[in-house]
Structure formats: structure tokens, C-alpha cells
């Protein structure tokens, strides 16, 4: 299923990794405002697509669809996709690195 979001300009559409809190007993807990703050502070994501002018000022794009990247903390705007997942639209220069070997 598609996200239903098309980035434009210098924008990169990413799907942040899900934040999971694990209790001392190994139970995964993931609800509440604390989790929402942690999700906005998440700095790793999978690139979904690039806007039409993303990295136009660079010799070559820093990342491509499918790459796992590190981006600036609290960067971008959240938007729920048509598939129900929460995506982030971030500026291309907010991508700080590509995690090699991780997809």
C-alpha cells in the first residue's frame, strides 16, 4: 500500500522507525504522550521518496528511496499516510547520514 504523500521541492519523505518501550519484564509498551514525544525525537528512518528538486544543489543525491538514514532531531512535519502509518516530510539537508548495510 502507498503512503499517498508525494514530497515536492527540496523535501524527502521518510518513515521513521517505530519507538518501542520495553518494560523490565520484556513487555513492549507503546502508548501515551511520552511515546509521541519520543517519536518526534526519533532520528532514524527509511527514505520513501524524494521531492523533484531534493539535492539539486549537490553533485549527487545523498540518499535514495529504500535507504536507512539518520536525520536532524525534531526535523520536519508529521503526516498520516493513506496506509495509516505516520510519515515525516523533512528538508533534504536535514538528512545527516546513510546507515550503510541497513535497509
Protein backbone atom coordinates (compact mmCIF):
# COMPACT_ATOMS: atom_id res chain seq x y z
CA UNK A 1 0.00 0.00 0.00
CA UNK A 2 1.20 3.53 -0.78
CA UNK A 3 1.64 6.41 1.64
CA UNK A 4 -0.45 8.71 -0.56
CA UNK A 5 2.03 11.55 0.09
CA UNK A 6 4.25 12.98 -2.66
CA UNK A 7 7.09 15.23 -1.48
CA UNK A 8 7.79 18.34 -3.57
CA UNK A 9 10.77 20.68 -3.83
CA UNK A 10 13.72 20.01 -1.52
CA UNK A 11 11.69 17.63 0.65
CA UNK A 12 12.33 13.97 1.50
CA UNK A 13 9.51 11.67 2.64
CA UNK A 14 10.68 9.27 5.35
CA UNK A 15 9.09 6.58 7.50
CA UNK A 16 10.62 6.86 11.00
CA UNK A 17 11.43 3.69 12.90
CA UNK A 18 8.75 2.80 15.41
CA UNK A 19 9.55 3.67 19.01
CA UNK A 20 9.04 0.74 21.35
CA UNK A 21 9.39 0.92 25.09
CA UNK A 22 10.26 -2.39 26.73
CA UNK A 23 9.39 -2.96 30.39
CA UNK A 24 11.78 -4.65 32.82
CA UNK A 25 9.89 -7.90 32.21
CA UNK A 26 10.38 -7.64 28.45
CA UNK A 27 6.84 -6.48 27.63
CA UNK A 28 6.60 -3.90 24.83
CA UNK A 29 4.67 -0.78 25.92
CA UNK A 30 3.91 1.90 23.31
CA UNK A 31 1.17 4.39 24.16
CA UNK A 32 0.79 7.84 25.66
CA UNK A 33 2.27 11.31 25.28
CA UNK A 34 5.77 10.19 26.30
CA UNK A 35 5.85 7.85 23.30
CA UNK A 36 4.63 10.67 21.00
CA UNK A 37 7.50 12.91 22.18
CA UNK A 38 9.95 10.08 21.61
CA UNK A 39 8.56 9.51 18.11
CA UNK A 40 9.08 13.19 17.21
CA UNK A 41 12.62 12.90 18.61
CA UNK A 42 13.34 9.82 16.50
CA UNK A 43 16.35 10.32 14.24
CA UNK A 44 16.38 7.16 12.10
CA UNK A 45 14.06 6.43 9.19
CA UNK A 46 13.66 4.73 5.86
CA UNK A 47 13.56 7.03 2.82
CA UNK A 48 10.31 6.57 0.88
CA UNK A 49 10.73 9.17 -1.87
CA UNK A 50 12.47 12.43 -2.80
CA UNK A 51 10.96 15.72 -3.95
CA UNK A 52 11.63 16.86 -7.52
CA UNK A 53 14.45 19.24 -6.53
CA UNK A 54 15.85 17.39 -3.50
CA UNK A 55 19.65 17.58 -3.63
CA UNK A 56 19.54 19.64 -6.86
CA UNK A 57 22.27 21.86 -5.33
CA UNK A 58 24.54 18.84 -4.74
CA UNK A 59 26.65 16.83 -7.19
CA UNK A 60 24.56 13.75 -6.43
CA UNK A 61 21.73 12.83 -4.04
CA UNK A 62 22.87 11.97 -0.51
CA UNK A 63 20.25 9.22 -0.28
CA UNK A 64 17.64 7.38 -2.30
CA UNK A 65 14.38 5.53 -1.73
CA UNK A 66 14.94 2.49 0.47
CA UNK A 67 18.00 3.89 2.30
CA UNK A 68 18.04 3.90 6.10
CA UNK A 69 19.10 7.39 7.19
CA UNK A 70 19.87 9.49 10.24
CA UNK A 71 18.21 12.93 10.24
CA UNK A 72 18.12 16.01 12.45
CA UNK A 73 16.21 15.57 15.72
CA UNK A 74 12.64 17.00 15.60
CA UNK A 75 13.03 17.82 11.88
CA UNK A 76 10.08 18.09 9.55
CA UNK A 77 6.35 17.69 9.66
CA UNK A 78 4.40 14.56 10.57
CA UNK A 79 1.59 13.34 8.34
CA UNK A 80 -0.51 10.19 8.47
CA UNK A 81 -0.34 8.31 5.18
CA UNK A 82 -3.23 6.63 3.42
CA UNK A 83 -1.85 3.35 4.79
CA UNK A 84 -2.30 4.58 8.38
CA UNK A 85 1.44 4.94 9.11
CA UNK A 86 2.98 8.20 10.40
CA UNK A 87 5.45 9.71 7.92
CA UNK A 88 7.74 12.75 8.15
CA UNK A 89 8.40 15.32 5.45
CA UNK A 90 11.91 16.66 6.10
CA UNK A 91 14.21 19.03 4.21
CA UNK A 92 16.86 17.27 2.16
CA UNK A 93 19.67 18.91 4.14
CA UNK A 94 18.22 17.51 7.40
CA UNK A 95 19.49 14.08 6.31
CA UNK A 96 22.79 13.77 8.17
CA UNK A 97 23.92 10.29 7.09
CA UNK A 98 23.07 6.99 5.44
CA UNK A 99 23.35 3.83 7.55
CA UNK A 100 25.35 1.54 5.27
CA UNK A 101 24.20 -2.05 5.03
CA UNK A 102 20.83 -1.35 6.67
CA UNK A 103 17.65 -1.28 4.62
